[in-house]
């Protein structure tokens, strides 16, 4: 009886670990897509479309691809694309703000 309970307990612990680890992809990718979307809109607000067109357009396309990958439950790629989109949008905003000061 004790071994049955210990096996059952170990099985439940394993199931809990698997359940928690399976949620990380969707949660992390969703969070990064929101961050990238916010960074993109911040870049758009300062006119990055005209002042930093490469970074702005690349951020827009990476964000689109991140959403596409998220929609097909390919969360690992969604995370990668969202990070690229976020970083490029931040860079576009910074370059646009720098060009305003000149």
Protein backbone atom coordinates (compact mmCIF):
# COMPACT_ATOMS: atom_id res chain seq x y z
CA UNK A 1 0.00 0.00 0.00
CA UNK A 2 2.84 2.39 0.85
CA UNK A 3 4.58 1.79 -2.47
CA UNK A 4 1.34 2.41 -4.33
CA UNK A 5 0.92 5.74 -2.53
CA UNK A 6 4.52 6.73 -3.20
CA UNK A 7 4.16 5.86 -6.89
CA UNK A 8 0.91 7.81 -7.06
CA UNK A 9 2.53 10.78 -5.32
CA UNK A 10 5.51 10.71 -7.69
CA UNK A 11 3.15 10.53 -10.66
CA UNK A 12 1.19 13.52 -9.44
CA UNK A 13 4.40 15.49 -8.88
CA UNK A 14 5.59 14.65 -12.39
CA UNK A 15 2.23 15.67 -13.84
CA UNK A 16 2.41 18.99 -11.99
CA UNK A 17 5.91 19.68 -13.32
CA UNK A 18 4.87 18.85 -16.87
CA UNK A 19 1.78 21.02 -16.59
CA UNK A 20 3.77 24.00 -15.34
CA UNK A 21 6.46 23.62 -17.98
CA UNK A 22 3.92 23.36 -20.79
CA UNK A 23 2.43 26.74 -19.83
CA UNK A 24 5.71 28.62 -20.04
CA UNK A 25 5.74 28.86 -23.84
CA UNK A 26 2.27 30.36 -24.23
CA UNK A 27 2.69 32.72 -21.30
CA UNK A 28 6.17 33.92 -22.26
CA UNK A 29 5.30 34.35 -25.94
CA UNK A 30 2.13 36.28 -25.12
CA UNK A 31 4.01 38.56 -22.77
CA UNK A 32 6.75 39.22 -25.32
CA UNK A 33 4.23 39.90 -28.09
CA UNK A 34 2.55 42.49 -25.88
CA UNK A 35 5.96 44.06 -25.12
CA UNK A 36 6.84 44.12 -28.82
CA UNK A 37 3.47 45.61 -29.71
CA UNK A 38 3.92 48.36 -27.12
CA UNK A 39 7.46 49.10 -28.32
CA UNK A 40 6.21 49.20 -31.92
CA UNK A 41 3.46 51.67 -31.09
CA UNK A 42 5.95 53.80 -29.14
CA UNK A 43 8.18 53.87 -32.22
CA UNK A 44 5.23 54.78 -34.41
CA UNK A 45 4.33 57.64 -32.07
CA UNK A 46 7.68 59.36 -32.60
CA UNK A 47 7.57 58.95 -36.38
CA UNK A 48 9.98 56.07 -36.75
CA UNK A 49 8.30 55.06 -39.99
CA UNK A 50 9.96 58.03 -41.71
CA UNK A 51 13.05 58.53 -39.55
CA UNK A 52 14.11 54.91 -39.11
CA UNK A 53 12.34 52.95 -41.85
CA UNK A 54 14.49 49.80 -41.80
CA UNK A 55 14.10 49.08 -38.10
CA UNK A 56 10.45 50.15 -38.11
CA UNK A 57 9.49 47.89 -41.03
CA UNK A 58 11.52 44.96 -39.72
CA UNK A 59 9.87 45.31 -36.29
CA UNK A 60 6.45 45.38 -37.92
CA UNK A 61 7.14 42.24 -39.94
CA UNK A 62 8.70 40.33 -37.04
CA UNK A 63 5.70 41.23 -34.88
CA UNK A 64 3.38 39.95 -37.58
CA UNK A 65 5.36 36.69 -37.82
CA UNK A 66 5.39 36.32 -34.01
CA UNK A 67 1.60 36.56 -33.96
CA UNK A 68 1.37 34.06 -36.79
CA UNK A 69 3.61 31.57 -34.97
CA UNK A 70 1.66 32.13 -31.75
CA UNK A 71 -1.56 31.40 -33.62
CA UNK A 72 -0.22 28.04 -34.78
CA UNK A 73 1.00 27.21 -31.25
CA UNK A 74 4.64 27.35 -32.31
CA UNK A 75 5.58 29.25 -29.18
CA UNK A 76 9.35 28.86 -29.42
CA UNK A 77 9.45 30.69 -32.75
CA UNK A 78 6.86 33.20 -31.52
CA UNK A 79 9.21 34.06 -28.64
CA UNK A 80 12.17 34.52 -30.99
CA UNK A 81 10.25 36.72 -33.43
CA UNK A 82 8.69 38.78 -30.65
CA UNK A 83 12.11 39.47 -29.10
CA UNK A 84 13.46 40.61 -32.47
CA UNK A 85 10.39 42.79 -33.03
CA UNK A 86 10.71 44.37 -29.59
CA UNK A 87 14.42 45.06 -29.96
CA UNK A 88 14.05 46.56 -33.44
CA UNK A 89 11.11 48.72 -32.38
CA UNK A 90 13.13 50.07 -29.45
CA UNK A 91 16.04 50.75 -31.79
CA UNK A 92 13.74 52.51 -34.28
CA UNK A 93 12.35 54.72 -31.53
CA UNK A 94 15.80 55.59 -30.18
CA UNK A 95 17.10 56.48 -33.66
CA UNK A 96 14.05 58.60 -34.34
CA UNK A 97 14.43 60.49 -31.09
CA UNK A 98 18.16 60.96 -31.75
CA UNK A 99 17.45 62.38 -35.22
CA UNK A 100 15.00 64.88 -33.72
CA UNK A 101 17.75 66.27 -31.49
CA UNK A 102 20.10 66.91 -34.41
